[in-house]
Structure formats: C-alpha cells, structure tokens
Protein backbone atom coordinates (compact mmCIF):
# COMPACT_ATOMS: atom_id res chain seq x y z
CA UNK A 1 82.24 72.05 118.22
CA UNK A 2 83.13 74.69 120.82
CA UNK A 3 86.79 75.10 121.69
CA UNK A 4 87.83 73.45 124.92
CA UNK A 5 89.00 75.56 127.82
CA UNK A 6 92.35 73.77 127.63
CA UNK A 7 92.91 74.94 124.05
CA UNK A 8 91.38 78.41 123.76
CA UNK A 9 91.19 79.88 120.25
CA UNK A 10 94.08 82.06 119.23
CA UNK A 11 92.86 85.59 118.52
CA UNK A 12 95.20 87.76 116.51
CA UNK A 13 94.64 91.48 116.19
CA UNK A 14 95.74 93.42 113.11
CA UNK A 15 99.10 95.11 113.50
CA UNK A 16 97.52 98.40 112.42
CA UNK A 17 94.06 98.83 113.93
CA UNK A 18 91.43 99.60 111.24
CA UNK A 19 89.89 103.06 111.46
CA UNK A 20 86.43 101.53 111.80
CA UNK A 21 84.87 103.77 109.14
CA UNK A 22 84.82 102.70 105.51
CA UNK A 23 84.90 105.25 102.74
CA UNK A 24 81.79 105.28 100.54
CA UNK A 25 82.14 103.59 97.18
CA UNK A 26 83.54 105.88 94.53
CA UNK A 27 84.95 108.35 97.05
CA UNK A 28 88.17 109.93 95.87
CA UNK A 29 90.32 109.28 92.86
CA UNK A 30 91.56 105.66 92.76
CA UNK A 31 95.32 105.23 92.62
CA UNK A 32 97.66 102.31 92.04
CA UNK A 33 98.42 101.88 95.73
CA UNK A 34 100.96 99.08 95.31
CA UNK A 35 102.98 100.94 92.72
CA UNK A 36 102.86 104.18 94.73
CA UNK A 37 103.99 102.44 97.92
CA UNK A 38 106.78 100.45 96.25
CA UNK A 39 108.02 103.54 94.44
CA UNK A 40 108.18 105.55 97.66
CA UNK A 41 109.87 102.71 99.53
CA UNK A 42 112.53 102.24 96.86
CA UNK A 43 113.22 105.96 96.38
CA UNK A 44 113.28 107.10 100.00
CA UNK A 45 116.72 107.86 101.39
CA UNK A 46 115.58 108.74 104.91
CA UNK A 47 112.61 108.35 107.19
CA UNK A 48 111.40 108.61 110.77
CA UNK A 49 111.98 105.45 112.79
CA UNK A 50 109.71 105.27 115.83
CA UNK A 51 110.77 102.92 118.62
CA UNK A 52 109.40 102.14 122.07
CA UNK A 53 111.37 103.78 124.84
CA UNK A 54 111.65 101.93 128.18
CA UNK A 55 109.56 104.72 129.72
CA UNK A 56 106.62 103.62 127.57
CA UNK A 57 106.52 106.53 125.14
CA UNK A 58 107.31 106.22 121.42
CA UNK A 59 110.46 107.97 120.25
CA UNK A 60 110.95 109.13 116.66
CA UNK A 61 114.45 109.27 115.17
CA UNK A 62 115.37 110.44 111.69
CA UNK A 63 117.55 107.84 110.00
CA UNK A 64 118.95 107.13 106.55
CA UNK A 65 117.57 104.01 104.93
CA UNK A 66 118.22 101.71 102.00
CA UNK A 67 116.38 98.64 100.75
CA UNK A 68 117.50 95.07 100.34
CA UNK A 69 116.97 93.55 96.86
CA UNK A 70 113.59 92.17 97.98
CA UNK A 71 112.45 95.59 99.24
CA UNK A 72 113.09 95.08 102.96
CA UNK A 73 114.17 98.42 104.46
CA UNK A 74 117.41 98.48 106.44
CA UNK A 75 119.42 101.15 108.22
CA UNK A 76 122.60 101.87 110.13
CA UNK A 77 122.69 102.57 113.87
CA UNK A 78 125.46 102.81 116.43
CA UNK A 79 124.84 100.67 119.47
CA UNK A 80 125.15 103.80 121.60
CA UNK A 81 122.14 105.34 119.83
CA UNK A 82 118.91 105.49 121.79
CA UNK A 83 116.85 103.88 119.01
CA UNK A 84 119.33 100.99 118.80
CA UNK A 85 118.99 100.43 122.54
CA UNK A 86 115.21 100.54 122.18
CA UNK A 87 114.90 97.97 119.39
CA UNK A 88 117.30 95.59 121.09
CA UNK A 89 115.00 95.68 124.13
CA UNK A 90 111.71 95.68 122.19
CA UNK A 91 111.91 95.07 118.41
CA UNK A 92 108.52 96.63 117.61
CA UNK A 93 108.95 99.76 115.53
CA UNK A 94 107.42 101.93 112.82
CA UNK A 95 109.05 103.60 109.84
CA UNK A 96 107.44 106.63 108.19
CA UNK A 97 108.48 107.60 104.67
CA UNK A 98 107.44 110.69 102.71
CA UNK A 99 108.74 113.12 100.12
CA UNK A 100 109.62 115.84 102.58
CA UNK A 101 110.59 119.21 101.17
CA UNK A 102 108.14 119.14 98.26
CA UNK A 103 105.60 121.71 99.44
CA UNK A 104 102.75 120.70 101.74
CA UNK A 105 103.69 117.25 103.07
CA UNK A 106 100.01 116.34 103.50
CA UNK A 107 99.44 116.55 99.74
CA UNK A 108 102.25 114.04 99.08
CA UNK A 109 102.14 110.25 99.48
CA UNK A 110 103.16 108.99 102.93
CA UNK A 111 104.01 105.39 103.72
CA UNK A 112 103.84 103.94 107.22
CA UNK A 113 105.48 100.57 107.88
CA UNK A 114 105.24 98.71 111.18
CA UNK A 115 107.01 95.55 112.19
CA UNK A 116 109.99 94.22 114.08
CA UNK A 117 113.61 95.32 113.86
CA UNK A 118 116.44 92.80 113.79
CA UNK A 119 120.19 93.41 113.98
CA UNK A 120 121.88 91.77 111.01
CA UNK A 121 124.64 89.20 111.35
CA UNK A 122 126.91 87.31 108.96
CA UNK A 123 128.35 88.63 105.71
CA UNK A 124 126.93 92.12 105.21
CA UNK A 125 129.29 93.40 102.50
CA UNK A 126 126.66 93.39 99.68
CA UNK A 127 124.29 95.35 101.93
CA UNK A 128 127.06 97.73 103.00
CA UNK A 129 127.70 98.48 99.34
CA UNK A 130 123.98 99.00 98.70
CA UNK A 131 123.85 101.41 101.63
CA UNK A 132 126.98 103.29 100.58
CA UNK A 133 125.79 103.78 97.01
CA UNK A 134 122.82 105.68 98.45
CA UNK A 135 124.76 107.31 101.28
CA UNK A 136 128.41 107.79 100.23
CA UNK A 137 129.18 109.76 103.40
CA UNK A 138 128.05 106.75 105.39
CA UNK A 139 131.59 105.35 105.22
CA UNK A 140 132.34 107.54 108.23
CA UNK A 141 129.44 106.09 110.23
CA UNK A 142 130.01 102.48 109.20
CA UNK A 143 133.64 102.71 110.31
CA UNK A 144 132.58 103.25 113.93
CA UNK A 145 133.41 100.26 116.16
CA UNK A 146 129.81 99.91 117.32
CA UNK A 147 128.24 100.41 113.88
CA UNK A 148 125.58 97.86 113.04
CA UNK A 149 123.03 97.28 110.29
CA UNK A 150 119.41 96.60 111.20
CA UNK A 151 116.44 95.56 109.08
CA UNK A 152 112.71 96.10 109.56
CA UNK A 153 110.58 93.05 108.84
CA UNK A 154 107.31 94.66 107.78
CA UNK A 155 104.12 93.32 109.36
CA UNK A 156 101.71 96.13 108.54
CA UNK A 157 101.41 98.82 105.86
CA UNK A 158 99.52 102.11 105.76
CA UNK A 159 99.57 104.35 102.69
CA UNK A 160 98.34 107.93 102.73
CA UNK A 161 97.95 108.81 99.06
CA UNK A 162 97.04 112.47 99.58
CA UNK A 163 93.77 114.47 99.59
CA UNK A 164 91.07 113.12 97.32
CA UNK A 165 92.98 109.95 96.50
CA UNK A 166 91.52 106.62 97.49
CA UNK A 167 94.32 104.09 98.01
CA UNK A 168 93.48 100.42 98.40
CA UNK A 169 94.54 98.51 101.50
CA UNK A 170 98.01 96.99 101.23
CA UNK A 171 99.70 94.01 102.83
CA UNK A 172 103.42 93.48 103.50
CA UNK A 173 103.48 91.00 100.60
CA UNK A 174 102.59 93.86 98.23
CA UNK A 175 105.98 95.44 98.92
CA UNK A 176 108.08 92.31 98.38
CA UNK A 177 110.11 91.79 95.21
CA UNK A 178 110.38 88.13 94.23
CA UNK A 179 114.05 87.10 94.00
CA UNK A 180 113.39 83.56 92.78
CA UNK A 181 115.70 82.64 89.91
CA UNK A 182 117.63 85.93 90.13
CA UNK A 183 120.75 84.59 91.86
CA UNK A 184 123.03 85.65 89.00
CA UNK A 185 121.60 89.17 88.86
CA UNK A 186 122.06 89.76 92.57
CA UNK A 187 125.51 88.15 92.69
CA UNK A 188 126.67 90.47 89.91
CA UNK A 189 124.77 93.58 91.05
CA UNK A 190 127.83 95.70 91.80
CA UNK A 191 129.50 94.72 88.51
CA UNK A 192 126.35 95.42 86.47
CA UNK A 193 125.82 98.78 88.15
CA UNK A 194 129.40 99.75 87.29
CA UNK A 195 128.79 98.77 83.66
CA UNK A 196 125.59 100.82 83.51
CA UNK A 197 127.22 103.88 85.03
CA UNK A 198 130.17 103.58 82.65
CA UNK A 199 127.83 103.72 79.64
CA UNK A 200 127.56 107.41 78.81
CA UNK A 201 124.06 108.83 79.08
CA UNK A 202 122.35 105.56 80.02
CA UNK A 203 121.36 106.46 83.58
CA UNK A 204 120.22 109.93 82.52
CA UNK A 205 118.09 108.48 79.74
CA UNK A 206 116.46 106.11 82.22
CA UNK A 207 115.85 108.93 84.70
CA UNK A 208 114.34 111.16 82.02
CA UNK A 209 111.86 108.40 81.20
CA UNK A 210 110.40 108.45 84.71
CA UNK A 211 111.49 111.67 86.44
CA UNK A 212 111.69 114.02 83.48
CA UNK A 213 114.72 115.74 84.98
CA UNK A 214 118.19 115.88 83.42
CA UNK A 215 121.19 115.60 85.69
CA UNK A 216 124.17 113.51 86.65
CA UNK A 217 122.18 110.37 87.37
CA UNK A 218 123.77 107.12 88.52
CA UNK A 219 122.34 103.65 89.01
CA UNK A 220 122.57 102.68 92.69
CA UNK A 221 120.56 99.46 92.83
CA UNK A 222 119.20 96.66 90.64
CA UNK A 223 116.64 93.99 91.47
CA UNK A 224 114.34 91.79 89.36
CA UNK A 225 111.62 94.46 89.35
CA UNK A 226 113.59 97.60 88.53
CA UNK A 227 116.54 99.97 88.79
CA UNK A 228 117.14 102.61 91.47
CA UNK A 229 118.70 105.88 90.30
CA UNK A 230 120.15 108.84 92.18
CA UNK A 231 121.44 112.32 91.39
CA UNK A 232 122.56 114.04 94.59
CA UNK A 233 119.48 114.07 96.82
CA UNK A 234 117.12 113.28 93.94
CA UNK A 235 116.01 109.69 93.41
CA UNK A 236 114.07 107.83 90.73
CA UNK A 237 112.82 104.31 90.19
CA UNK A 238 112.55 102.61 86.79
CA UNK A 239 110.31 99.55 86.82
CA UNK A 240 110.68 96.64 84.43
CA UNK A 241 107.60 95.47 82.57
CA UNK A 242 108.99 91.92 82.70
CA UNK A 243 111.16 90.37 85.41
CA UNK A 244 114.91 90.65 84.97
CA UNK A 245 116.86 87.74 86.46
CA UNK A 246 120.35 87.87 84.96
CA UNK A 247 122.76 89.98 82.92
CA UNK A 248 121.21 88.88 79.62
CA UNK A 249 117.66 89.88 80.51
CA UNK A 250 118.94 93.14 82.01
CA UNK A 251 120.76 94.04 78.79
CA UNK A 252 117.66 93.14 76.80
CA UNK A 253 115.57 95.45 78.95
CA UNK A 254 118.02 98.31 78.50
CA UNK A 255 118.37 97.72 74.76
CA UNK A 256 114.61 97.96 74.11
CA UNK A 257 113.22 100.25 76.86
CA UNK A 258 109.89 100.85 75.11
CA UNK A 259 108.90 97.23 75.58
CA UNK A 260 110.59 96.38 78.84
CA UNK A 261 110.68 99.51 81.01
CA UNK A 262 107.77 101.36 82.59
C-alpha cells in the first residue's frame, strides 16, 4: 500500500555518505577493523575536533581526549573557546584520530568519528580522574571557572587502515564496550588502578606484551574489555580475552595473562 501524503515515509541518509565505489573482492590485505579502531580510540590522547562555525565553514581544533569506560570519547573545553561556542550552537561534529609523529601519516591507521557533542552535567569526578590520569597537566585547565567536559556521541565511523589494507565497514556499536554487570569494577576503578601501579613491574610487563617497549608504564584506565597504559606520551592497550567485571576477575586475568590477556 502506498504511503499517504499525510504520512510521508521517513528517509534517513547515512551520517557518512558512502563513496559510491566498492572495492573489488580480494583487494588489499584484510585487517581486523574493529580491533584496529578500538585500539586507536582507546590509545589516542589527542585528536582534531571539527565543528561547524556560524559562518558555515568547518573549523578544526586540536584537543586532548580521553574515553569513558564504554569507549565514548570526551574532552575538556573552556566556554570561551570557539569550538565550545560552535557545539553549543550546533552539536554536529567530527573527531579525527591518528598516530601522528610516526612517519608518513597516510601509512598509519586513521579513525574518523562523526556525531553530536553534548556538555556533561551532574557528578563528573570519575571522568575528571580518568581525564587527569591521561593528562596530568590538565589540572590547570580544569580549574578554570568556565571549564566544562563534553562527550561525542558517535553516529558514524570511518576507518582508514593504510595503503593496501582493506578494512571492513564499522558501525558505532563496534566501538562500544559493554558495561553490563561491571558495576563493581567501575566503582573501584581508581582503587584498582592504584593497586596495579603499586605492584612493581606489573604495568611494564603488560606493556611489553603488546607494545614491546620497556619504560615507566602506568595503568590509567580499566574497563571490562581491557587496560589502558601510558608512559609519558606513549600509550598501549591490553585487551582481555574474557570480560572482566569485578576485582576478582581482574586479578584472575592478571595472574594468568597467557589465558586471559591478548
């Protein structure tokens, strides 16, 4: 039955317009697109936030970022900042993440996220601590009277895996970490991170398993899917093979890394 003129069909366009040309089957080296994208999202400490200026042109601003336990990116902005003004007027924005400074940027993975920015309200202390563990100097910024935290609710994802790499299409759901049943883990995150960092050599051992680089590594974040590590500007992500939901399952994962860490 045709739709009536009083109730026309709702037509929704994709947030990121498809390129219109499909790659031939077998083109390029297949990669684990979800793992690559999640790893880049969790490890990135900064990115380019593009907002819509009132004049109609996009404006790119470099900003420090962190991720919520479920993987949602969030950032600090002063209300006087141009990009804060822009998202409060029009929440549509894009965030571009890449491993800048590692040779030719076009040979490295790049992650583009588009969606809507929202200024956070309510108790933000756990997020402030998450942000400060990644950006210790951020205490200066967050002490400003007009300092605010904003999150980007992702509605579209684009992954550039690099030349000759064929990355599958991703959806926002691919970047989300399930927090169901992990209330204890998240409530005790700061305490558990302190315990991990107090255990001599633990963070370095974890970093060596994924980054292969010794250093003064520290855990800066825990979620049911993995642990975020940092040594100065260097970052690493250790993924659990099985979900961790509380202190007991976390300790089990750390006690037997060959079976529970990847």
